[in-house]
Amino acid sequence: MTNITRMSLDEIKAKHARGEVRPTRPDAPTYDMPEGFWDHAEIVLPQPKTPISLRVDPDVLAYFKAQGGGHLTRMHAVLRAYVDAHRKAD
């Protein structure tokens, strides 16, 4: 689970002054944004996922687990792709 913290600009500046904010990597790419790029931006918070109990065939689970950690995330990605593809078809 991700740890999201809300901070005001003053709190961010204070963290920066204390040296708690890591500087940008020297090799990080930079982008020039066109004027007004952020004018109509909206903050969209991710929706929490709903916990469920799901029964799957043993070979299906074994297939995803064999690919290493994160098997539930990959299974969710497959379900998401299925839903998205079928929504476009409607």
PDB file of N, CA and C in Angstrom:
ATOM      1  N   MET A   1       0.842  -1.164   0.000  1.00  0.00           N
ATOM      2  CA  MET A   1       0.000   0.000   0.000  1.00  0.00           C
ATOM      3  C   MET A   1       0.894   1.236   0.000  1.00  0.00           C
ATOM      4  N   THR A   2       0.479   2.269  -0.694  1.00  0.00           N
ATOM      5  CA  THR A   2       1.264   3.494  -0.796  1.00  0.00           C
ATOM      6  C   THR A   2       0.946   4.418   0.365  1.00  0.00           C
ATOM      7  N   ASN A   3       1.952   5.145   0.784  1.00  0.00           N
ATOM      8  CA  ASN A   3       1.768   6.093   1.866  1.00  0.00           C
ATOM      9  C   ASN A   3       1.663   7.484   1.261  1.00  0.00           C
ATOM     10  N   ILE A   4       0.453   8.024   1.189  1.00  0.00           N
ATOM     11  CA  ILE A   4       0.231   9.339   0.610  1.00  0.00           C
ATOM     12  C   ILE A   4       0.043  10.329   1.748  1.00  0.00           C
ATOM     13  N   THR A   5       0.826  11.401   1.721  1.00  0.00           N
ATOM     14  CA  THR A   5       0.748  12.423   2.750  1.00  0.00           C
ATOM     15  C   THR A   5       0.375  13.748   2.097  1.00  0.00           C
ATOM     16  N   ARG A   6      -0.589  14.419   2.677  1.00  0.00           N
ATOM     17  CA  ARG A   6      -0.962  15.739   2.180  1.00  0.00           C
ATOM     18  C   ARG A   6      -0.142  16.778   2.918  1.00  0.00           C
ATOM     19  N   MET A   7       0.393  17.741   2.174  1.00  0.00           N
ATOM     20  CA  MET A   7       1.193  18.809   2.767  1.00  0.00           C
ATOM     21  C   MET A   7       0.866  20.118   2.073  1.00  0.00           C
ATOM     22  N   SER A   8       0.954  21.171   2.837  1.00  0.00           N
ATOM     23  CA  SER A   8       0.806  22.498   2.252  1.00  0.00           C
ATOM     24  C   SER A   8       2.138  22.892   1.616  1.00  0.00           C
ATOM     25  N   LEU A   9       2.115  23.950   0.826  1.00  0.00           N
ATOM     26  CA  LEU A   9       3.345  24.429   0.215  1.00  0.00           C
ATOM     27  C   LEU A   9       4.345  24.846   1.285  1.00  0.00           C
ATOM     28  N   ASP A  10       3.867  25.459   2.364  1.00  0.00           N
ATOM     29  CA  ASP A  10       4.770  25.859   3.454  1.00  0.00           C
ATOM     30  C   ASP A  10       5.432  24.652   4.104  1.00  0.00           C
ATOM     31  N   GLU A  11       4.683  23.565   4.273  1.00  0.00           N
ATOM     32  CA  GLU A  11       5.260  22.348   4.853  1.00  0.00           C
ATOM     33  C   GLU A  11       6.326  21.748   3.934  1.00  0.00           C
ATOM     34  N   ILE A  12       6.072  21.789   2.634  1.00  0.00           N
ATOM     35  CA  ILE A  12       7.057  21.275   1.674  1.00  0.00           C
ATOM     36  C   ILE A  12       8.316  22.130   1.714  1.00  0.00           C
ATOM     37  N   LYS A  13       8.134  23.451   1.753  1.00  0.00           N
ATOM     38  CA  LYS A  13       9.296  24.344   1.822  1.00  0.00           C
ATOM     39  C   LYS A  13      10.095  24.103   3.099  1.00  0.00           C
ATOM     40  N   ALA A  14       9.406  23.849   4.212  1.00  0.00           N
ATOM     41  CA  ALA A  14      10.094  23.580   5.479  1.00  0.00           C
ATOM     42  C   ALA A  14      10.890  22.276   5.391  1.00  0.00           C
ATOM     43  N   LYS A  15      10.314  21.233   4.784  1.00  0.00           N
ATOM     44  CA  LYS A  15      11.039  19.969   4.601  1.00  0.00           C
ATOM     45  C   LYS A  15      12.273  20.196   3.739  1.00  0.00           C
ATOM     46  N   HIS A  16      12.114  21.003   2.703  1.00  0.00           N
ATOM     47  CA  HIS A  16      13.234  21.301   1.816  1.00  0.00           C
ATOM     48  C   HIS A  16      14.337  22.027   2.593  1.00  0.00           C
ATOM     49  N   ALA A  17      13.948  22.991   3.426  1.00  0.00           N
ATOM     50  CA  ALA A  17      14.922  23.753   4.216  1.00  0.00           C
ATOM     51  C   ALA A  17      15.673  22.854   5.198  1.00  0.00           C
ATOM     52  N   ARG A  18      14.996  21.831   5.723  1.00  0.00           N
ATOM     53  CA  ARG A  18      15.634  20.896   6.658  1.00  0.00           C
ATOM     54  C   ARG A  18      16.469  19.842   5.932  1.00  0.00           C
ATOM     55  N   GLY A  19      16.426  19.841   4.601  1.00  0.00           N
ATOM     56  CA  GLY A  19      17.190  18.862   3.829  1.00  0.00           C
ATOM     57  C   GLY A  19      16.504  17.522   3.719  1.00  0.00           C
ATOM     58  N   GLU A  20      15.197  17.472   3.929  1.00  0.00           N
ATOM     59  CA  GLU A  20      14.455  16.204   3.887  1.00  0.00           C
ATOM     60  C   GLU A  20      13.908  15.885   2.502  1.00  0.00           C
ATOM     61  N   VAL A  21      14.131  16.762   1.535  1.00  0.00           N
ATOM     62  CA  VAL A  21      13.657  16.533   0.169  1.00  0.00           C
ATOM     63  C   VAL A  21      14.873  16.235  -0.691  1.00  0.00           C
ATOM     64  N   ARG A  22      14.837  15.100  -1.368  1.00  0.00           N
ATOM     65  CA  ARG A  22      15.970  14.732  -2.212  1.00  0.00           C
ATOM     66  C   ARG A  22      15.993  15.609  -3.463  1.00  0.00           C
ATOM     67  N   PRO A  23      17.175  16.034  -3.881  1.00  0.00           N
ATOM     68  CA  PRO A  23      17.257  16.838  -5.102  1.00  0.00           C
ATOM     69  C   PRO A  23      16.970  15.986  -6.332  1.00  0.00           C
ATOM     70  N   THR A  24      16.607  16.636  -7.397  1.00  0.00           N
ATOM     71  CA  THR A  24      16.374  15.951  -8.662  1.00  0.00           C
ATOM     72  C   THR A  24      17.695  15.389  -9.177  1.00  0.00           C
ATOM     73  N   ARG A  25      17.640  14.207  -9.742  1.00  0.00           N
ATOM     74  CA  ARG A  25      18.846  13.599 -10.310  1.00  0.00           C
ATOM     75  C   ARG A  25      19.422  14.505 -11.398  1.00  0.00           C
ATOM     76  N   PRO A  26      20.727  14.595 -11.489  1.00  0.00           N
ATOM     77  CA  PRO A  26      21.322  15.447 -12.528  1.00  0.00           C
ATOM     78  C   PRO A  26      20.981  14.981 -13.943  1.00  0.00           C
ATOM     79  N   ASP A  27      20.753  13.668 -14.133  1.00  0.00           N
ATOM     80  CA  ASP A  27      20.452  13.149 -15.465  1.00  0.00           C
ATOM     81  C   ASP A  27      18.952  13.024 -15.742  1.00  0.00           C
ATOM     82  N   ALA A  28      18.130  13.591 -14.850  1.00  0.00           N
ATOM     83  CA  ALA A  28      16.678  13.512 -15.046  1.00  0.00           C
ATOM     84  C   ALA A  28      16.266  14.371 -16.239  1.00  0.00           C
ATOM     85  N   PRO A  29      15.358  13.868 -17.084  1.00  0.00           N
ATOM     86  CA  PRO A  29      14.930  14.669 -18.238  1.00  0.00           C
ATOM     87  C   PRO A  29      14.102  15.869 -17.783  1.00  0.00           C
ATOM     88  N   THR A  30      14.147  16.922 -18.555  1.00  0.00           N
ATOM     89  CA  THR A  30      13.323  18.100 -18.287  1.00  0.00           C
ATOM     90  C   THR A  30      12.394  18.313 -19.471  1.00  0.00           C
ATOM     91  N   TYR A  31      11.245  18.871 -19.205  1.00  0.00           N
ATOM     92  CA  TYR A  31      10.248  19.091 -20.243  1.00  0.00           C
ATOM     93  C   TYR A  31       9.734  20.522 -20.158  1.00  0.00           C
ATOM     94  N   ASP A  32       9.609  21.156 -21.289  1.00  0.00           N
ATOM     95  CA  ASP A  32       9.005  22.484 -21.343  1.00  0.00           C
ATOM     96  C   ASP A  32       7.510  22.304 -21.555  1.00  0.00           C
ATOM     97  N   MET A  33       6.729  22.793 -20.605  1.00  0.00           N
ATOM     98  CA  MET A  33       5.277  22.682 -20.702  1.00  0.00           C
ATOM     99  C   MET A  33       4.733  23.942 -21.369  1.00  0.00           C
ATOM    100  N   PRO A  34       3.760  23.783 -22.249  1.00  0.00           N
ATOM    101  CA  PRO A  34       3.195  24.969 -22.890  1.00  0.00           C
ATOM    102  C   PRO A  34       2.473  25.856 -21.867  1.00  0.00           C
ATOM    103  N   GLU A  35       2.392  27.135 -22.167  1.00  0.00           N
ATOM    104  CA  GLU A  35       1.702  28.089 -21.300  1.00  0.00           C
ATOM    105  C   GLU A  35       0.274  27.606 -21.047  1.00  0.00           C
ATOM    106  N   GLY A  36      -0.154  27.644 -19.804  1.00  0.00           N
ATOM    107  CA  GLY A  36      -1.519  27.261 -19.442  1.00  0.00           C
ATOM    108  C   GLY A  36      -1.745  25.769 -19.323  1.00  0.00           C
ATOM    109  N   PHE A  37      -0.668  24.966 -19.358  1.00  0.00           N
ATOM    110  CA  PHE A  37      -0.799  23.509 -19.320  1.00  0.00           C
ATOM    111  C   PHE A  37      -1.588  23.041 -18.099  1.00  0.00           C
ATOM    112  N   TRP A  38      -1.361  23.653 -16.944  1.00  0.00           N
ATOM    113  CA  TRP A  38      -1.978  23.215 -15.697  1.00  0.00           C
ATOM    114  C   TRP A  38      -3.256  23.986 -15.354  1.00  0.00           C
ATOM    115  N   ASP A  39      -3.697  24.895 -16.215  1.00  0.00           N
ATOM    116  CA  ASP A  39      -4.843  25.760 -15.892  1.00  0.00           C
ATOM    117  C   ASP A  39      -6.118  24.990 -15.542  1.00  0.00           C
ATOM    118  N   HIS A  40      -6.361  23.895 -16.207  1.00  0.00           N
ATOM    119  CA  HIS A  40      -7.611  23.155 -15.981  1.00  0.00           C
ATOM    120  C   HIS A  40      -7.363  21.784 -15.357  1.00  0.00           C
ATOM    121  N   ALA A  41      -6.193  21.626 -14.733  1.00  0.00           N
ATOM    122  CA  ALA A  41      -5.847  20.343 -14.114  1.00  0.00           C
ATOM    123  C   ALA A  41      -6.719  20.093 -12.882  1.00  0.00           C
ATOM    124  N   GLU A  42      -7.048  18.849 -12.660  1.00  0.00           N
ATOM    125  CA  GLU A  42      -7.817  18.437 -11.490  1.00  0.00           C
ATOM    126  C   GLU A  42      -7.046  17.347 -10.757  1.00  0.00           C
ATOM    127  N   ILE A  43      -7.124  17.377  -9.450  1.00  0.00           N
ATOM    128  CA  ILE A  43      -6.527  16.308  -8.662  1.00  0.00           C
ATOM    129  C   ILE A  43      -7.511  15.146  -8.664  1.00  0.00           C
ATOM    130  N   VAL A  44      -7.032  13.993  -9.078  1.00  0.00           N
ATOM    131  CA  VAL A  44      -7.867  12.792  -9.109  1.00  0.00           C
ATOM    132  C   VAL A  44      -7.208  11.764  -8.206  1.00  0.00           C
ATOM    133  N   LEU A  45      -7.832  11.486  -7.083  1.00  0.00           N
ATOM    134  CA  LEU A  45      -7.300  10.505  -6.149  1.00  0.00           C
ATOM    135  C   LEU A  45      -7.716   9.108  -6.583  1.00  0.00           C
ATOM    136  N   PRO A  46      -6.835   8.130  -6.445  1.00  0.00           N
ATOM    137  CA  PRO A  46      -7.196   6.770  -6.839  1.00  0.00           C
ATOM    138  C   PRO A  46      -8.315   6.222  -5.960  1.00  0.00           C
ATOM    139  N   GLN A  47      -9.177   5.443  -6.575  1.00  0.00           N
ATOM    140  CA  GLN A  47     -10.263   4.808  -5.847  1.00  0.00           C
ATOM    141  C   GLN A  47      -9.707   3.593  -5.098  1.00  0.00           C
ATOM    142  N   PRO A  48     -10.104   3.419  -3.846  1.00  0.00           N
ATOM    143  CA  PRO A  48      -9.628   2.234  -3.125  1.00  0.00           C
ATOM    144  C   PRO A  48     -10.220   0.966  -3.742  1.00  0.00           C
ATOM    145  N   LYS A  49      -9.443  -0.072  -3.736  1.00  0.00           N
ATOM    146  CA  LYS A  49      -9.922  -1.344  -4.274  1.00  0.00           C
ATOM    147  C   LYS A  49     -10.796  -2.039  -3.237  1.00  0.00           C
ATOM    148  N   THR A  50     -11.711  -2.856  -3.715  1.00  0.00           N
ATOM    149  CA  THR A  50     -12.617  -3.589  -2.850  1.00  0.00           C
ATOM    150  C   THR A  50     -12.053  -4.978  -2.594  1.00  0.00           C
ATOM    151  N   PRO A  51     -11.822  -5.335  -1.334  1.00  0.00           N
ATOM    152  CA  PRO A  51     -11.311  -6.681  -1.068  1.00  0.00           C
ATOM    153  C   PRO A  51     -12.402  -7.726  -1.311  1.00  0.00           C
ATOM    154  N   ILE A  52     -12.015  -8.818  -1.961  1.00  0.00           N
ATOM    155  CA  ILE A  52     -12.960  -9.908  -2.229  1.00  0.00           C
ATOM    156  C   ILE A  52     -12.256 -11.240  -1.993  1.00  0.00           C
ATOM    157  N   SER A  53     -13.042 -12.288  -1.974  1.00  0.00           N
ATOM    158  CA  SER A  53     -12.490 -13.635  -1.962  1.00  0.00           C
ATOM    159  C   SER A  53     -12.825 -14.227  -3.320  1.00  0.00           C
ATOM    160  N   LEU A  54     -11.825 -14.755  -4.009  1.00  0.00           N
ATOM    161  CA  LEU A  54     -12.014 -15.250  -5.363  1.00  0.00           C
ATOM    162  C   LEU A  54     -11.415 -16.638  -5.479  1.00  0.00           C
ATOM    163  N   ARG A  55     -12.182 -17.558  -5.992  1.00  0.00           N
ATOM    164  CA  ARG A  55     -11.684 -18.913  -6.205  1.00  0.00           C
ATOM    165  C   ARG A  55     -11.264 -19.056  -7.662  1.00  0.00           C
ATOM    166  N   VAL A  56     -10.023 -19.532  -7.852  1.00  0.00           N
ATOM    167  CA  VAL A  56      -9.512 -19.756  -9.206  1.00  0.00           C
ATOM    168  C   VAL A  56      -8.975 -21.168  -9.289  1.00  0.00           C
ATOM    169  N   ASP A  57      -8.890 -21.665 -10.504  1.00  0.00           N
ATOM    170  CA  ASP A  57      -8.330 -22.998 -10.707  1.00  0.00           C
ATOM    171  C   ASP A  57      -6.869 -23.014 -10.272  1.00  0.00           C
ATOM    172  N   PRO A  58      -6.420 -24.141  -9.712  1.00  0.00           N
ATOM    173  CA  PRO A  58      -5.039 -24.217  -9.230  1.00  0.00           C
ATOM    174  C   PRO A  58      -3.994 -23.912 -10.304  1.00  0.00           C
ATOM    175  N   ASP A  59      -4.242 -24.352 -11.548  1.00  0.00           N
ATOM    176  CA  ASP A  59      -3.252 -24.101 -12.595  1.00  0.00           C
ATOM    177  C   ASP A  59      -3.177 -22.626 -12.970  1.00  0.00           C
ATOM    178  N   VAL A  60      -4.291 -21.912 -12.856  1.00  0.00           N
ATOM    179  CA  VAL A  60      -4.291 -20.474 -13.133  1.00  0.00           C
ATOM    180  C   VAL A  60      -3.456 -19.759 -12.080  1.00  0.00           C
ATOM    181  N   LEU A  61      -3.686 -20.078 -10.823  1.00  0.00           N
ATOM    182  CA  LEU A  61      -2.916 -19.464  -9.745  1.00  0.00           C
ATOM    183  C   LEU A  61      -1.436 -19.822  -9.870  1.00  0.00           C
ATOM    184  N   ALA A  62      -1.137 -21.074 -10.175  1.00  0.00           N
ATOM    185  CA  ALA A  62       0.254 -21.511 -10.321  1.00  0.00           C
ATOM    186  C   ALA A  62       0.952 -20.748 -11.444  1.00  0.00           C
ATOM    187  N   TYR A  63       0.230 -20.497 -12.533  1.00  0.00           N
ATOM    188  CA  TYR A  63       0.799 -19.760 -13.663  1.00  0.00           C
ATOM    189  C   TYR A  63       1.238 -18.362 -13.227  1.00  0.00           C
ATOM    190  N   PHE A  64       0.360 -17.649 -12.534  1.00  0.00           N
ATOM    191  CA  PHE A  64       0.688 -16.285 -12.115  1.00  0.00           C
ATOM    192  C   PHE A  64       1.771 -16.273 -11.033  1.00  0.00           C
ATOM    193  N   LYS A  65       1.713 -17.219 -10.099  1.00  0.00           N
ATOM    194  CA  LYS A  65       2.721 -17.280  -9.042  1.00  0.00           C
ATOM    195  C   LYS A  65       4.099 -17.631  -9.607  1.00  0.00           C
ATOM    196  N   ALA A  66       4.134 -18.436 -10.671  1.00  0.00           N
ATOM    197  CA  ALA A  66       5.403 -18.842 -11.269  1.00  0.00           C
ATOM    198  C   ALA A  66       6.166 -17.655 -11.849  1.00  0.00           C
ATOM    199  N   GLN A  67       5.470 -16.560 -12.100  1.00  0.00           N
ATOM    200  CA  GLN A  67       6.120 -15.367 -12.659  1.00  0.00           C
ATOM    201  C   GLN A  67       6.753 -14.509 -11.567  1.00  0.00           C
ATOM    202  N   GLY A  68       6.636 -14.934 -10.319  1.00  0.00           N
ATOM    203  CA  GLY A  68       7.261 -14.208  -9.219  1.00  0.00           C
ATOM    204  C   GLY A  68       6.264 -13.396  -8.425  1.00  0.00           C
ATOM    205  N   GLY A  69       6.806 -12.587  -7.490  1.00  0.00           N
ATOM    206  CA  GLY A  69       5.968 -11.772  -6.627  1.00  0.00           C
ATOM    207  C   GLY A  69       5.088 -10.829  -7.436  1.00  0.00           C
ATOM    208  N   GLY A  70       3.990 -10.422  -6.835  1.00  0.00           N
ATOM    209  CA  GLY A  70       3.060  -9.519  -7.506  1.00  0.00           C
ATOM    210  C   GLY A  70       2.031 -10.241  -8.357  1.00  0.00           C
ATOM    211  N   HIS A  71       1.815 -11.523  -8.064  1.00  0.00           N
ATOM    212  CA  HIS A  71       0.878 -12.290  -8.895  1.00  0.00           C
ATOM    213  C   HIS A  71      -0.546 -11.736  -8.823  1.00  0.00           C
ATOM    214  N   LEU A  72      -0.954 -11.231  -7.666  1.00  0.00           N
ATOM    215  CA  LEU A  72      -2.308 -10.674  -7.563  1.00  0.00           C
ATOM    216  C   LEU A  72      -2.433  -9.397  -8.376  1.00  0.00           C
ATOM    217  N   THR A  73      -1.382  -8.606  -8.401  1.00  0.00           N
ATOM    218  CA  THR A  73      -1.386  -7.381  -9.207  1.00  0.00           C
ATOM    219  C   THR A  73      -1.487  -7.725 -10.688  1.00  0.00           C
ATOM    220  N   ARG A  74      -0.762  -8.750 -11.127  1.00  0.00           N
ATOM    221  CA  ARG A  74      -0.848  -9.162 -12.529  1.00  0.00           C
ATOM    222  C   ARG A  74      -2.226  -9.716 -12.856  1.00  0.00           C
ATOM    223  N   MET A  75      -2.813 -10.468 -11.928  1.00  0.00           N
ATOM    224  CA  MET A  75      -4.164 -10.995 -12.169  1.00  0.00           C
ATOM    225  C   MET A  75      -5.155  -9.841 -12.301  1.00  0.00           C
ATOM    226  N   HIS A  76      -4.995  -8.826 -11.459  1.00  0.00           N
ATOM    227  CA  HIS A  76      -5.864  -7.651 -11.548  1.00  0.00           C
ATOM    228  C   HIS A  76      -5.669  -6.950 -12.889  1.00  0.00           C
ATOM    229  N   ALA A  77      -4.426  -6.862 -13.369  1.00  0.00           N
ATOM    230  CA  ALA A  77      -4.153  -6.207 -14.649  1.00  0.00           C
ATOM    231  C   ALA A  77      -4.845  -6.932 -15.800  1.00  0.00           C
ATOM    232  N   VAL A  78      -4.880  -8.267 -15.738  1.00  0.00           N
ATOM    233  CA  VAL A  78      -5.569  -9.040 -16.772  1.00  0.00           C
ATOM    234  C   VAL A  78      -7.068  -8.749 -16.732  1.00  0.00           C
ATOM    235  N   LEU A  79      -7.637  -8.722 -15.534  1.00  0.00           N
ATOM    236  CA  LEU A  79      -9.062  -8.406 -15.404  1.00  0.00           C
ATOM    237  C   LEU A  79      -9.354  -6.982 -15.879  1.00  0.00           C
ATOM    238  N   ARG A  80      -8.477  -6.040 -15.549  1.00  0.00           N
ATOM    239  CA  ARG A  80      -8.651  -4.647 -15.979  1.00  0.00           C
ATOM    240  C   ARG A  80      -8.628  -4.548 -17.499  1.00  0.00           C
ATOM    241  N   ALA A  81      -7.676  -5.242 -18.143  1.00  0.00           N
ATOM    242  CA  ALA A  81      -7.576  -5.215 -19.601  1.00  0.00           C
ATOM    243  C   ALA A  81      -8.834  -5.795 -20.239  1.00  0.00           C
ATOM    244  N   TYR A  82      -9.372  -6.863 -19.664  1.00  0.00           N
ATOM    245  CA  TYR A  82     -10.593  -7.480 -20.165  1.00  0.00           C
ATOM    246  C   TYR A  82     -11.768  -6.507 -20.091  1.00  0.00           C
ATOM    247  N   VAL A  83     -11.917  -5.873 -18.928  1.00  0.00           N
ATOM    248  CA  VAL A  83     -13.018  -4.923 -18.737  1.00  0.00           C
ATOM    249  C   VAL A  83     -12.883  -3.747 -19.704  1.00  0.00           C
ATOM    250  N   ASP A  84     -11.687  -3.189 -19.811  1.00  0.00           N
ATOM    251  CA  ASP A  84     -11.464  -2.041 -20.698  1.00  0.00           C
ATOM    252  C   ASP A  84     -11.756  -2.395 -22.150  1.00  0.00           C
ATOM    253  N   ALA A  85     -11.333  -3.579 -22.577  1.00  0.00           N
ATOM    254  CA  ALA A  85     -11.563  -4.006 -23.960  1.00  0.00           C
ATOM    255  C   ALA A  85     -13.051  -4.173 -24.232  1.00  0.00           C
ATOM    256  N   HIS A  86     -13.777  -4.703 -23.267  1.00  0.00           N
ATOM    257  CA  HIS A  86     -15.200  -4.916 -23.485  1.00  0.00           C
ATOM    258  C   HIS A  86     -16.011  -3.635 -23.354  1.00  0.00           C
ATOM    259  N   ARG A  87     -15.548  -2.701 -22.566  1.00  0.00           N
ATOM    260  CA  ARG A  87     -16.232  -1.407 -22.476  1.00  0.00           C
ATOM    261  C   ARG A  87     -16.126  -0.663 -23.804  1.00  0.00           C
ATOM    262  N   LYS A  88     -14.956  -0.763 -24.468  1.00  0.00           N
ATOM    263  CA  LYS A  88     -14.766  -0.095 -25.753  1.00  0.00           C
ATOM    264  C   LYS A  88     -15.663  -0.714 -26.816  1.00  0.00           C
ATOM    265  N   ALA A  89     -15.934  -2.013 -26.693  1.00  0.00           N
ATOM    266  CA  ALA A  89     -16.753  -2.715 -27.684  1.00  0.00           C
ATOM    267  C   ALA A  89     -18.231  -2.350 -27.567  1.00  0.00           C
ATOM    268  N   ASP A  90     -18.649  -1.874 -26.387  1.00  0.00           N
ATOM    269  CA  ASP A  90     -20.081  -1.545 -26.187  1.00  0.00           C
ATOM    270  C   ASP A  90     -20.506  -0.296 -26.911  1.00  0.00           C
TER     271      ASP A  90
END
